[in-house]
C-alpha atoms as a PDB file:
ATOM      1  CA  UNK A   1      96.270  71.033 152.040  1.00  0.00           C
ATOM      2  CA  UNK A   2      98.797  72.810 154.216  1.00  0.00           C
ATOM      3  CA  UNK A   3     100.973  73.443 151.129  1.00  0.00           C
ATOM      4  CA  UNK A   4      98.014  74.893 149.204  1.00  0.00           C
ATOM      5  CA  UNK A   5      97.161  77.272 152.065  1.00  0.00           C
ATOM      6  CA  UNK A   6     100.800  78.357 152.261  1.00  0.00           C
ATOM      7  CA  UNK A   7     100.795  79.092 148.547  1.00  0.00           C
ATOM      8  CA  UNK A   8      97.598  81.120 148.813  1.00  0.00           C
ATOM      9  CA  UNK A   9      99.042  83.083 151.734  1.00  0.00           C
ATOM     10  CA  UNK A  10     102.201  83.881 149.759  1.00  0.00           C
ATOM     11  CA  UNK A  11     100.110  85.025 146.786  1.00  0.00           C
ATOM     12  CA  UNK A  12      98.078  87.298 149.049  1.00  0.00           C
ATOM     13  CA  UNK A  13     101.161  88.796 150.672  1.00  0.00           C
ATOM     14  CA  UNK A  14     102.926  89.461 147.380  1.00  0.00           C
ATOM     15  CA  UNK A  15     100.448  90.364 144.588  1.00  0.00           C
ATOM     16  CA  UNK A  16     102.865  90.214 141.656  1.00  0.00           C
ATOM     17  CA  UNK A  17     100.694  92.250 139.282  1.00  0.00           C
ATOM     18  CA  UNK A  18     100.376  95.035 141.822  1.00  0.00           C
ATOM     19  CA  UNK A  19     104.146  95.017 142.428  1.00  0.00           C
ATOM     20  CA  UNK A  20     104.767  95.332 138.681  1.00  0.00           C
ATOM     21  CA  UNK A  21     102.325  98.233 138.394  1.00  0.00           C
ATOM     22  CA  UNK A  22     103.884  99.997 141.374  1.00  0.00           C
ATOM     23  CA  UNK A  23     107.400  99.565 139.958  1.00  0.00           C
ATOM     24  CA  UNK A  24     106.364 101.112 136.630  1.00  0.00           C
ATOM     25  CA  UNK A  25     104.516 104.023 138.269  1.00  0.00           C
ATOM     26  CA  UNK A  26     107.410 104.710 140.665  1.00  0.00           C
ATOM     27  CA  UNK A  27     109.997 104.595 137.881  1.00  0.00           C
ATOM     28  CA  UNK A  28     108.026 107.057 135.729  1.00  0.00           C
ATOM     29  CA  UNK A  29     106.358 108.996 138.567  1.00  0.00           C
ATOM     30  CA  UNK A  30     103.097 108.771 136.673  1.00  0.00           C
ATOM     31  CA  UNK A  31     100.064 106.507 136.869  1.00  0.00           C
ATOM     32  CA  UNK A  32      99.188 107.469 133.292  1.00  0.00           C
ATOM     33  CA  UNK A  33     102.580 106.510 131.865  1.00  0.00           C
ATOM     34  CA  UNK A  34     102.539 103.260 133.842  1.00  0.00           C
ATOM     35  CA  UNK A  35      99.194 102.433 132.279  1.00  0.00           C
ATOM     36  CA  UNK A  36     100.537 103.147 128.778  1.00  0.00           C
ATOM     37  CA  UNK A  37     103.576 100.956 129.402  1.00  0.00           C
ATOM     38  CA  UNK A  38     101.571  98.049 130.805  1.00  0.00           C
ATOM     39  CA  UNK A  39      98.450  98.390 128.668  1.00  0.00           C
ATOM     40  CA  UNK A  40      96.199  99.332 131.600  1.00  0.00           C
ATOM     41  CA  UNK A  41      93.788 102.153 132.265  1.00  0.00           C
ATOM     42  CA  UNK A  42      94.708 104.764 134.863  1.00  0.00           C
ATOM     43  CA  UNK A  43      91.873 103.420 137.013  1.00  0.00           C
ATOM     44  CA  UNK A  44      93.344  99.918 136.887  1.00  0.00           C
ATOM     45  CA  UNK A  45      96.766 101.278 137.844  1.00  0.00           C
ATOM     46  CA  UNK A  46      95.276 103.131 140.828  1.00  0.00           C
ATOM     47  CA  UNK A  47      93.417  99.988 141.903  1.00  0.00           C
ATOM     48  CA  UNK A  48      96.531  97.795 141.779  1.00  0.00           C
ATOM     49  CA  UNK A  49      98.589 100.285 143.775  1.00  0.00           C
ATOM     50  CA  UNK A  50      95.819 100.656 146.374  1.00  0.00           C
ATOM     51  CA  UNK A  51      95.671  96.854 146.588  1.00  0.00           C
ATOM     52  CA  UNK A  52      99.403  96.746 147.272  1.00  0.00           C
ATOM     53  CA  UNK A  53      99.171  99.507 149.866  1.00  0.00           C
ATOM     54  CA  UNK A  54      96.330  97.666 151.636  1.00  0.00           C
ATOM     55  CA  UNK A  55      98.305  94.414 151.553  1.00  0.00           C
ATOM     56  CA  UNK A  56     101.486  96.023 152.929  1.00  0.00           C
ATOM     57  CA  UNK A  57      99.552  98.371 155.212  1.00  0.00           C
ATOM     58  CA  UNK A  58     101.823 101.167 154.031  1.00  0.00           C
ATOM     59  CA  UNK A  59     101.101 104.238 151.902  1.00  0.00           C
ATOM     60  CA  UNK A  60     103.457 104.196 148.912  1.00  0.00           C
ATOM     61  CA  UNK A  61     102.381 107.330 147.050  1.00  0.00           C
ATOM     62  CA  UNK A  62     101.267 110.813 148.035  1.00  0.00           C
ATOM     63  CA  UNK A  63      98.476 111.743 145.608  1.00  0.00           C
ATOM     64  CA  UNK A  64      98.353 115.399 144.640  1.00  0.00           C
ATOM     65  CA  UNK A  65      96.438 117.052 141.764  1.00  0.00           C
ATOM     66  CA  UNK A  66      98.169 116.009 138.517  1.00  0.00           C
ATOM     67  CA  UNK A  67     101.185 114.717 140.432  1.00  0.00           C
ATOM     68  CA  UNK A  68     102.215 111.761 142.557  1.00  0.00           C
ATOM     69  CA  UNK A  69     105.301 111.463 144.738  1.00  0.00           C
ATOM     70  CA  UNK A  70     106.715 108.521 146.635  1.00  0.00           C
ATOM     71  CA  UNK A  71     106.444 108.263 150.387  1.00  0.00           C
ATOM     72  CA  UNK A  72     109.464 107.162 152.388  1.00  0.00           C
ATOM     73  CA  UNK A  73     108.177 103.578 152.222  1.00  0.00           C
ATOM     74  CA  UNK A  74     107.695 103.873 148.470  1.00  0.00           C
ATOM     75  CA  UNK A  75     111.230 105.208 148.021  1.00  0.00           C
ATOM     76  CA  UNK A  76     112.625 102.217 149.914  1.00  0.00           C
ATOM     77  CA  UNK A  77     110.588  99.702 147.943  1.00  0.00           C
ATOM     78  CA  UNK A  78     110.849 101.070 144.397  1.00  0.00           C
ATOM     79  CA  UNK A  79     114.578 100.554 143.618  1.00  0.00           C
ATOM     80  CA  UNK A  80     114.550  97.041 145.044  1.00  0.00           C
ATOM     81  CA  UNK A  81     111.580  96.116 142.887  1.00  0.00           C
ATOM     82  CA  UNK A  82     113.238  97.610 139.800  1.00  0.00           C
ATOM     83  CA  UNK A  83     116.302  95.495 140.523  1.00  0.00           C
ATOM     84  CA  UNK A  84     114.182  92.397 141.165  1.00  0.00           C
ATOM     85  CA  UNK A  85     112.246  92.735 137.911  1.00  0.00           C
ATOM     86  CA  UNK A  86     115.500  93.344 136.029  1.00  0.00           C
ATOM     87  CA  UNK A  87     116.863  90.096 137.476  1.00  0.00           C
ATOM     88  CA  UNK A  88     113.704  88.243 136.415  1.00  0.00           C
ATOM     89  CA  UNK A  89     113.866  89.730 132.926  1.00  0.00           C
ATOM     90  CA  UNK A  90     117.521  88.726 132.700  1.00  0.00           C
ATOM     91  CA  UNK A  91     116.666  85.185 133.771  1.00  0.00           C
ATOM     92  CA  UNK A  92     113.975  84.911 131.133  1.00  0.00           C
ATOM     93  CA  UNK A  93     116.263  86.462 128.513  1.00  0.00           C
ATOM     94  CA  UNK A  94     118.929  83.881 129.225  1.00  0.00           C
ATOM     95  CA  UNK A  95     116.427  81.227 128.125  1.00  0.00           C
ATOM     96  CA  UNK A  96     115.557  83.177 124.981  1.00  0.00           C
ATOM     97  CA  UNK A  97     118.866  83.339 123.130  1.00  0.00           C
ATOM     98  CA  UNK A  98     117.286  82.018 119.943  1.00  0.00           C
ATOM     99  CA  UNK A  99     114.513  84.589 120.038  1.00  0.00           C
ATOM    100  CA  UNK A 100     117.005  87.358 120.776  1.00  0.00           C
ATOM    101  CA  UNK A 101     119.120  86.378 117.786  1.00  0.00           C
ATOM    102  CA  UNK A 102     116.218  86.741 115.336  1.00  0.00           C
ATOM    103  CA  UNK A 103     114.821  90.199 114.688  1.00  0.00           C
ATOM    104  CA  UNK A 104     111.371  90.403 113.096  1.00  0.00           C
ATOM    105  CA  UNK A 105     110.896  93.731 111.307  1.00  0.00           C
ATOM    106  CA  UNK A 106     107.472  94.821 110.061  1.00  0.00           C
ATOM    107  CA  UNK A 107     107.281  97.431 107.316  1.00  0.00           C
ATOM    108  CA  UNK A 108     105.084  98.701 104.526  1.00  0.00           C
ATOM    109  CA  UNK A 109     105.929  96.983 101.242  1.00  0.00           C
ATOM    110  CA  UNK A 110     107.094 100.220  99.611  1.00  0.00           C
ATOM    111  CA  UNK A 111     109.463 101.273 102.392  1.00  0.00           C
ATOM    112  CA  UNK A 112     110.845  97.740 102.551  1.00  0.00           C
ATOM    113  CA  UNK A 113     111.442  97.506  98.802  1.00  0.00           C
ATOM    114  CA  UNK A 114     112.608 101.054  98.096  1.00  0.00           C
ATOM    115  CA  UNK A 115     114.760 101.803 101.131  1.00  0.00           C
ATOM    116  CA  UNK A 116     115.070  99.104 103.766  1.00  0.00           C
ATOM    117  CA  UNK A 117     116.157  96.254 101.479  1.00  0.00           C
ATOM    118  CA  UNK A 118     119.107  98.310 100.238  1.00  0.00           C
ATOM    119  CA  UNK A 119     120.494  98.640 103.766  1.00  0.00           C
ATOM    120  CA  UNK A 120     119.719  95.310 105.445  1.00  0.00           C
ATOM    121  CA  UNK A 121     122.934  93.750 104.131  1.00  0.00           C
ATOM    122  CA  UNK A 122     124.989  96.399 105.902  1.00  0.00           C
ATOM    123  CA  UNK A 123     123.102  95.821 109.149  1.00  0.00           C
ATOM    124  CA  UNK A 124     123.712  92.066 108.913  1.00  0.00           C
ATOM    125  CA  UNK A 125     127.423  92.668 108.250  1.00  0.00           C
ATOM    126  CA  UNK A 126     127.687  94.946 111.306  1.00  0.00           C
ATOM    127  CA  UNK A 127     125.567  92.620 113.479  1.00  0.00           C
ATOM    128  CA  UNK A 128     126.397  89.040 112.425  1.00  0.00           C
ATOM    129  CA  UNK A 129     124.702  87.600 115.502  1.00  0.00           C
ATOM    130  CA  UNK A 130     121.261  88.950 114.534  1.00  0.00           C
ATOM    131  CA  UNK A 131     119.232  87.368 111.734  1.00  0.00           C
ATOM    132  CA  UNK A 132     116.599  89.687 110.241  1.00  0.00           C
ATOM    133  CA  UNK A 133     113.191  88.442 109.150  1.00  0.00           C
ATOM    134  CA  UNK A 134     111.255  91.041 107.179  1.00  0.00           C
ATOM    135  CA  UNK A 135     107.458  91.062 107.110  1.00  0.00           C
ATOM    136  CA  UNK A 136     105.463  93.500 104.980  1.00  0.00           C
ATOM    137  CA  UNK A 137     101.858  94.610 104.767  1.00  0.00           C
ATOM    138  CA  UNK A 138      99.895  97.818 104.381  1.00  0.00           C
ATOM    139  CA  UNK A 139      98.186  97.212 107.729  1.00  0.00           C
ATOM    140  CA  UNK A 140      99.520  98.785 110.913  1.00  0.00           C
ATOM    141  CA  UNK A 141     101.083  95.993 112.953  1.00  0.00           C
ATOM    142  CA  UNK A 142      99.519  95.161 116.323  1.00  0.00           C
ATOM    143  CA  UNK A 143     102.401  94.134 118.581  1.00  0.00           C
ATOM    144  CA  UNK A 144     100.021  92.318 120.924  1.00  0.00           C
ATOM    145  CA  UNK A 145      98.941  89.985 118.117  1.00  0.00           C
ATOM    146  CA  UNK A 146     102.184  89.364 116.251  1.00  0.00           C
ATOM    147  CA  UNK A 147     105.758  88.310 116.885  1.00  0.00           C
ATOM    148  CA  UNK A 148     107.138  91.485 115.289  1.00  0.00           C
ATOM    149  CA  UNK A 149     109.887  93.131 117.327  1.00  0.00           C
ATOM    150  CA  UNK A 150     110.058  96.516 115.633  1.00  0.00           C
ATOM    151  CA  UNK A 151     108.070  98.300 112.931  1.00  0.00           C
ATOM    152  CA  UNK A 152     108.443 101.069 110.397  1.00  0.00           C
ATOM    153  CA  UNK A 153     105.145 102.929 110.596  1.00  0.00           C
ATOM    154  CA  UNK A 154     103.651 105.834 108.737  1.00  0.00           C
ATOM    155  CA  UNK A 155     101.747 108.292 110.902  1.00  0.00           C
ATOM    156  CA  UNK A 156     102.218 111.019 113.482  1.00  0.00           C
ATOM    157  CA  UNK A 157     104.348 108.940 115.855  1.00  0.00           C
ATOM    158  CA  UNK A 158     101.782 109.020 118.661  1.00  0.00           C
ATOM    159  CA  UNK A 159     100.884 105.445 119.586  1.00  0.00           C
ATOM    160  CA  UNK A 160     100.142 104.616 123.246  1.00  0.00           C
ATOM    161  CA  UNK A 161     102.463 102.030 124.741  1.00  0.00           C
ATOM    162  CA  UNK A 162     105.043 102.374 121.961  1.00  0.00           C
ATOM    163  CA  UNK A 163     108.381 104.152 121.911  1.00  0.00           C
ATOM    164  CA  UNK A 164     108.875 105.981 118.609  1.00  0.00           C
ATOM    165  CA  UNK A 165     111.732 107.697 116.772  1.00  0.00           C
ATOM    166  CA  UNK A 166     111.339 109.959 113.748  1.00  0.00           C
ATOM    167  CA  UNK A 167     112.847 108.409 110.630  1.00  0.00           C
ATOM    168  CA  UNK A 168     111.946 110.513 107.580  1.00  0.00           C
ATOM    169  CA  UNK A 169     109.332 112.918 106.236  1.00  0.00           C
ATOM    170  CA  UNK A 170     106.650 111.354 104.071  1.00  0.00           C
ATOM    171  CA  UNK A 171     106.608 113.862 101.233  1.00  0.00           C
ATOM    172  CA  UNK A 172     104.975 113.159  97.872  1.00  0.00           C
ATOM    173  CA  UNK A 173     104.908 114.585  94.354  1.00  0.00           C
ATOM    174  CA  UNK A 174     103.785 113.495  90.848  1.00  0.00           C
ATOM    175  CA  UNK A 175     106.214 111.306  88.882  1.00  0.00           C
ATOM    176  CA  UNK A 176     105.943 109.761  85.420  1.00  0.00           C
ATOM    177  CA  UNK A 177     107.985 108.263  82.612  1.00  0.00           C
ATOM    178  CA  UNK A 178     109.774 110.601  80.184  1.00  0.00           C
ATOM    179  CA  UNK A 179     108.015 108.855  77.303  1.00  0.00           C
ATOM    180  CA  UNK A 180     104.575 109.647  78.715  1.00  0.00           C
ATOM    181  CA  UNK A 181     105.544 113.270  79.338  1.00  0.00           C
ATOM    182  CA  UNK A 182     106.711 113.526  75.712  1.00  0.00           C
ATOM    183  CA  UNK A 183     103.236 112.589  74.425  1.00  0.00           C
ATOM    184  CA  UNK A 184     101.992 116.072  75.430  1.00  0.00           C
ATOM    185  CA  UNK A 185     105.201 117.941  74.687  1.00  0.00           C
ATOM    186  CA  UNK A 186     106.447 117.757  78.264  1.00  0.00           C
ATOM    187  CA  UNK A 187     104.951 118.520  81.674  1.00  0.00           C
ATOM    188  CA  UNK A 188     105.680 122.181  82.311  1.00  0.00           C
ATOM    189  CA  UNK A 189     102.861 123.264  84.640  1.00  0.00           C
ATOM    190  CA  UNK A 190     100.759 121.416  87.239  1.00  0.00           C
ATOM    191  CA  UNK A 191      97.779 121.767  84.879  1.00  0.00           C
ATOM    192  CA  UNK A 192      99.602 119.576  82.345  1.00  0.00           C
ATOM    193  CA  UNK A 193      99.192 116.583  84.659  1.00  0.00           C
ATOM    194  CA  UNK A 194      95.440 116.780  84.112  1.00  0.00           C
ATOM    195  CA  UNK A 195      96.007 116.025  80.402  1.00  0.00           C
ATOM    196  CA  UNK A 196      97.328 112.565  81.299  1.00  0.00           C
ATOM    197  CA  UNK A 197      95.957 109.449  82.930  1.00  0.00           C
ATOM    198  CA  UNK A 198      96.338 109.637  86.708  1.00  0.00           C
ATOM    199  CA  UNK A 199      97.158 106.444  88.566  1.00  0.00           C
ATOM    200  CA  UNK A 200      94.720 106.075  91.465  1.00  0.00           C
ATOM    201  CA  UNK A 201      92.912 109.439  91.263  1.00  0.00           C
ATOM    202  CA  UNK A 202      91.205 108.516  94.546  1.00  0.00           C
ATOM    203  CA  UNK A 203      94.492 108.693  96.465  1.00  0.00           C
ATOM    204  CA  UNK A 204      94.062 111.404  99.173  1.00  0.00           C
ATOM    205  CA  UNK A 205      97.576 112.656  98.386  1.00  0.00           C
ATOM    206  CA  UNK A 206      96.415 114.141  95.061  1.00  0.00           C
ATOM    207  CA  UNK A 207      94.190 116.961  96.426  1.00  0.00           C
ATOM    208  CA  UNK A 208      96.879 117.801  99.008  1.00  0.00           C
ATOM    209  CA  UNK A 209      99.509 118.135  96.303  1.00  0.00           C
ATOM    210  CA  UNK A 210      97.332 120.091  93.884  1.00  0.00           C
ATOM    211  CA  UNK A 211      96.482 122.518  96.703  1.00  0.00           C
ATOM    212  CA  UNK A 212     100.213 122.964  97.404  1.00  0.00           C
ATOM    213  CA  UNK A 213     100.675 123.623  93.674  1.00  0.00           C
ATOM    214  CA  UNK A 214      98.060 126.387  93.742  1.00  0.00           C
ATOM    215  CA  UNK A 215      95.175 124.337  92.327  1.00  0.00           C
ATOM    216  CA  UNK A 216      92.909 123.656  95.320  1.00  0.00           C
ATOM    217  CA  UNK A 217      89.780 123.163  93.202  1.00  0.00           C
ATOM    218  CA  UNK A 218      90.996 120.277  91.013  1.00  0.00           C
ATOM    219  CA  UNK A 219      88.317 117.576  90.801  1.00  0.00           C
ATOM    220  CA  UNK A 220      89.505 114.079  89.850  1.00  0.00           C
ATOM    221  CA  UNK A 221      86.158 112.355  90.249  1.00  0.00           C
ATOM    222  CA  UNK A 222      84.951 110.508  87.187  1.00  0.00           C
ATOM    223  CA  UNK A 223      88.447 109.444  86.126  1.00  0.00           C
ATOM    224  CA  UNK A 224      89.166 105.727  85.707  1.00  0.00           C
ATOM    225  CA  UNK A 225      89.904 104.233  89.134  1.00  0.00           C
ATOM    226  CA  UNK A 226      92.980 102.074  89.568  1.00  0.00           C
ATOM    227  CA  UNK A 227      93.994 100.848  92.997  1.00  0.00           C
ATOM    228  CA  UNK A 228      97.301  99.015  93.147  1.00  0.00           C
ATOM    229  CA  UNK A 229      97.386  98.622  96.936  1.00  0.00           C
ATOM    230  CA  UNK A 230     100.974  99.798  97.389  1.00  0.00           C
ATOM    231  CA  UNK A 231     103.040 102.744  96.218  1.00  0.00           C
ATOM    232  CA  UNK A 232     105.714 100.420  94.799  1.00  0.00           C
ATOM    233  CA  UNK A 233     103.175  98.962  92.347  1.00  0.00           C
ATOM    234  CA  UNK A 234     102.011 102.432  91.320  1.00  0.00           C
ATOM    235  CA  UNK A 235     105.647 103.361  90.628  1.00  0.00           C
ATOM    236  CA  UNK A 236     106.044 100.289  88.413  1.00  0.00           C
ATOM    237  CA  UNK A 237     102.954 101.315  86.468  1.00  0.00           C
ATOM    238  CA  UNK A 238     104.327 104.838  86.068  1.00  0.00           C
ATOM    239  CA  UNK A 239     107.680 103.504  84.835  1.00  0.00           C
ATOM    240  CA  UNK A 240     105.755 101.459  82.266  1.00  0.00           C
ATOM    241  CA  UNK A 241     104.118 104.673  81.009  1.00  0.00           C
ATOM    242  CA  UNK A 242     100.622 103.805  82.240  1.00  0.00           C
ATOM    243  CA  UNK A 243     100.020 107.132  83.935  1.00  0.00           C
ATOM    244  CA  UNK A 244     101.189 109.710  86.475  1.00  0.00           C
ATOM    245  CA  UNK A 245     101.723 108.386  89.987  1.00  0.00           C
ATOM    246  CA  UNK A 246     102.066 110.388  93.178  1.00  0.00           C
ATOM    247  CA  UNK A 247     105.123 109.032  94.963  1.00  0.00           C
ATOM    248  CA  UNK A 248     107.674 109.603  97.692  1.00  0.00           C
ATOM    249  CA  UNK A 249     110.570 111.016  95.609  1.00  0.00           C
ATOM    250  CA  UNK A 250     113.346 109.825  97.951  1.00  0.00           C
ATOM    251  CA  UNK A 251     112.368 106.232  97.219  1.00  0.00           C
ATOM    252  CA  UNK A 252     112.925 106.602  93.463  1.00  0.00           C
ATOM    253  CA  UNK A 253     116.196 108.522  93.113  1.00  0.00           C
ATOM    254  CA  UNK A 254     117.757 105.564  91.268  1.00  0.00           C
ATOM    255  CA  UNK A 255     114.862 105.443  88.772  1.00  0.00           C
ATOM    256  CA  UNK A 256     115.257 109.175  88.149  1.00  0.00           C
ATOM    257  CA  UNK A 257     119.018 108.781  87.667  1.00  0.00           C
ATOM    258  CA  UNK A 258     118.419 105.967  85.165  1.00  0.00           C
ATOM    259  CA  UNK A 259     115.855 108.023  83.246  1.00  0.00           C
ATOM    260  CA  UNK A 260     112.990 105.673  84.074  1.00  0.00           C
ATOM    261  CA  UNK A 261     111.037 108.359  85.934  1.00  0.00           C
ATOM    262  CA  UNK A 262     110.988 112.142  86.015  1.00  0.00           C
ATOM    263  CA  UNK A 263     109.880 114.486  88.781  1.00  0.00           C
ATOM    264  CA  UNK A 264     108.498 117.519  86.914  1.00  0.00           C
ATOM    265  CA  UNK A 265     108.162 119.799  89.961  1.00  0.00           C
ATOM    266  CA  UNK A 266     109.970 120.555  93.197  1.00  0.00           C
ATOM    267  CA  UNK A 267     106.573 121.101  94.847  1.00  0.00           C
ATOM    268  CA  UNK A 268     106.110 118.548  97.638  1.00  0.00           C
ATOM    269  CA  UNK A 269     102.889 117.612  99.384  1.00  0.00           C
ATOM    270  CA  UNK A 270     102.737 116.582 103.037  1.00  0.00           C
ATOM    271  CA  UNK A 271      99.679 115.395 104.936  1.00  0.00           C
ATOM    272  CA  UNK A 272     101.255 115.383 108.409  1.00  0.00           C
ATOM    273  CA  UNK A 273     102.171 111.710 108.236  1.00  0.00           C
ATOM    274  CA  UNK A 274     105.834 110.685 108.452  1.00  0.00           C
ATOM    275  CA  UNK A 275     107.853 107.488 108.813  1.00  0.00           C
ATOM    276  CA  UNK A 276     108.690 106.378 112.348  1.00  0.00           C
ATOM    277  CA  UNK A 277     110.476 103.533 114.084  1.00  0.00           C
ATOM    278  CA  UNK A 278     108.122 101.983 116.642  1.00  0.00           C
ATOM    279  CA  UNK A 279     108.443  99.220 119.230  1.00  0.00           C
ATOM    280  CA  UNK A 280     106.771  98.355 122.549  1.00  0.00           C
ATOM    281  CA  UNK A 281     107.880 100.560 125.432  1.00  0.00           C
ATOM    282  CA  UNK A 282     108.275  97.449 127.578  1.00  0.00           C
ATOM    283  CA  UNK A 283     110.892  96.093 125.125  1.00  0.00           C
ATOM    284  CA  UNK A 284     113.014  99.221 124.950  1.00  0.00           C
ATOM    285  CA  UNK A 285     115.996  97.415 126.499  1.00  0.00           C
ATOM    286  CA  UNK A 286     116.088  94.554 123.984  1.00  0.00           C
ATOM    287  CA  UNK A 287     119.596  94.338 122.560  1.00  0.00           C
ATOM    288  CA  UNK A 288     118.477  93.456 119.036  1.00  0.00           C
ATOM    289  CA  UNK A 289     115.860  96.224 118.948  1.00  0.00           C
ATOM    290  CA  UNK A 290     118.364  98.808 120.162  1.00  0.00           C
ATOM    291  CA  UNK A 291     120.899  97.655 117.566  1.00  0.00           C
ATOM    292  CA  UNK A 292     118.435  97.950 114.682  1.00  0.00           C
ATOM    293  CA  UNK A 293     117.027 101.269 115.903  1.00  0.00           C
ATOM    294  CA  UNK A 294     120.517 102.772 116.222  1.00  0.00           C
ATOM    295  CA  UNK A 295     121.462 101.471 112.773  1.00  0.00           C
ATOM    296  CA  UNK A 296     118.403 103.038 111.121  1.00  0.00           C
ATOM    297  CA  UNK A 297     118.917 106.392 112.838  1.00  0.00           C
ATOM    298  CA  UNK A 298     122.596 106.383 111.865  1.00  0.00           C
ATOM    299  CA  UNK A 299     121.858 105.418 108.250  1.00  0.00           C
ATOM    300  CA  UNK A 300     118.942 107.733 107.563  1.00  0.00           C
ATOM    301  CA  UNK A 301     120.199 111.251 106.705  1.00  0.00           C
ATOM    302  CA  UNK A 302     118.943 113.993 108.991  1.00  0.00           C
ATOM    303  CA  UNK A 303     117.805 111.813 111.896  1.00  0.00           C
ATOM    304  CA  UNK A 304     119.019 112.064 115.453  1.00  0.00           C
ATOM    305  CA  UNK A 305     119.685 109.054 117.645  1.00  0.00           C
END
């Protein structure tokens, strides 16, 4: 009974959750950013820090409008907590060598097939101690529900709790086989595309591209619907001459060089969505994640590390 009471007293004196919240808020000088890092609301962050202050009977932050600063007590406590949590993370990491040697990458099927797969061999050669496991789906990965370490996402790069790095623009333009283009004497104007079967006329990229091409009033309703579920499958259908697909041209440079596809126009559509590297903010110091991130940024033309 005495041991149980001692344990309860220790827990009361040192509320670990509150210490972790304080360390994050002190490191970033922001309750909001601490909440994003830890997956908490700003109210929950404020509550945990107040709990710690009440327990220690010391004020740790000076609250000002839109700004917080550390008190003298907070400045003394913060670096020691940062060091303590780093030691704990290091201790846990030392027991996770197997996990740290396997990198789980989540990507869309098209990006994986048309770009990532061509470069994974080089990454493995440069990082022989890291084994890559590639997972693909069209769904946006939820890091809280999967073992994925890092993801290639399409979007605006603004995801709470995640650190992101721009990878490449997600441009798109119509592409088709030379044989299909020849059936109408070639595709010379954007209007010529309307003479051919369009693969997935319900794709929201089509109206964006036609507007960029000066045809904002094109109506594709009533055309045969074909949903392939991934851009890579639409490209295969286009190569087979089944219609005109709207594709990311940088993914199909080899098919253009081999004469399997043509890109009739230099006009590119863009809907504000680009490709990004994303991983949990809390895992920013993972060696394997840093290695893969740096490799992608070095390999992708035009990116900055």
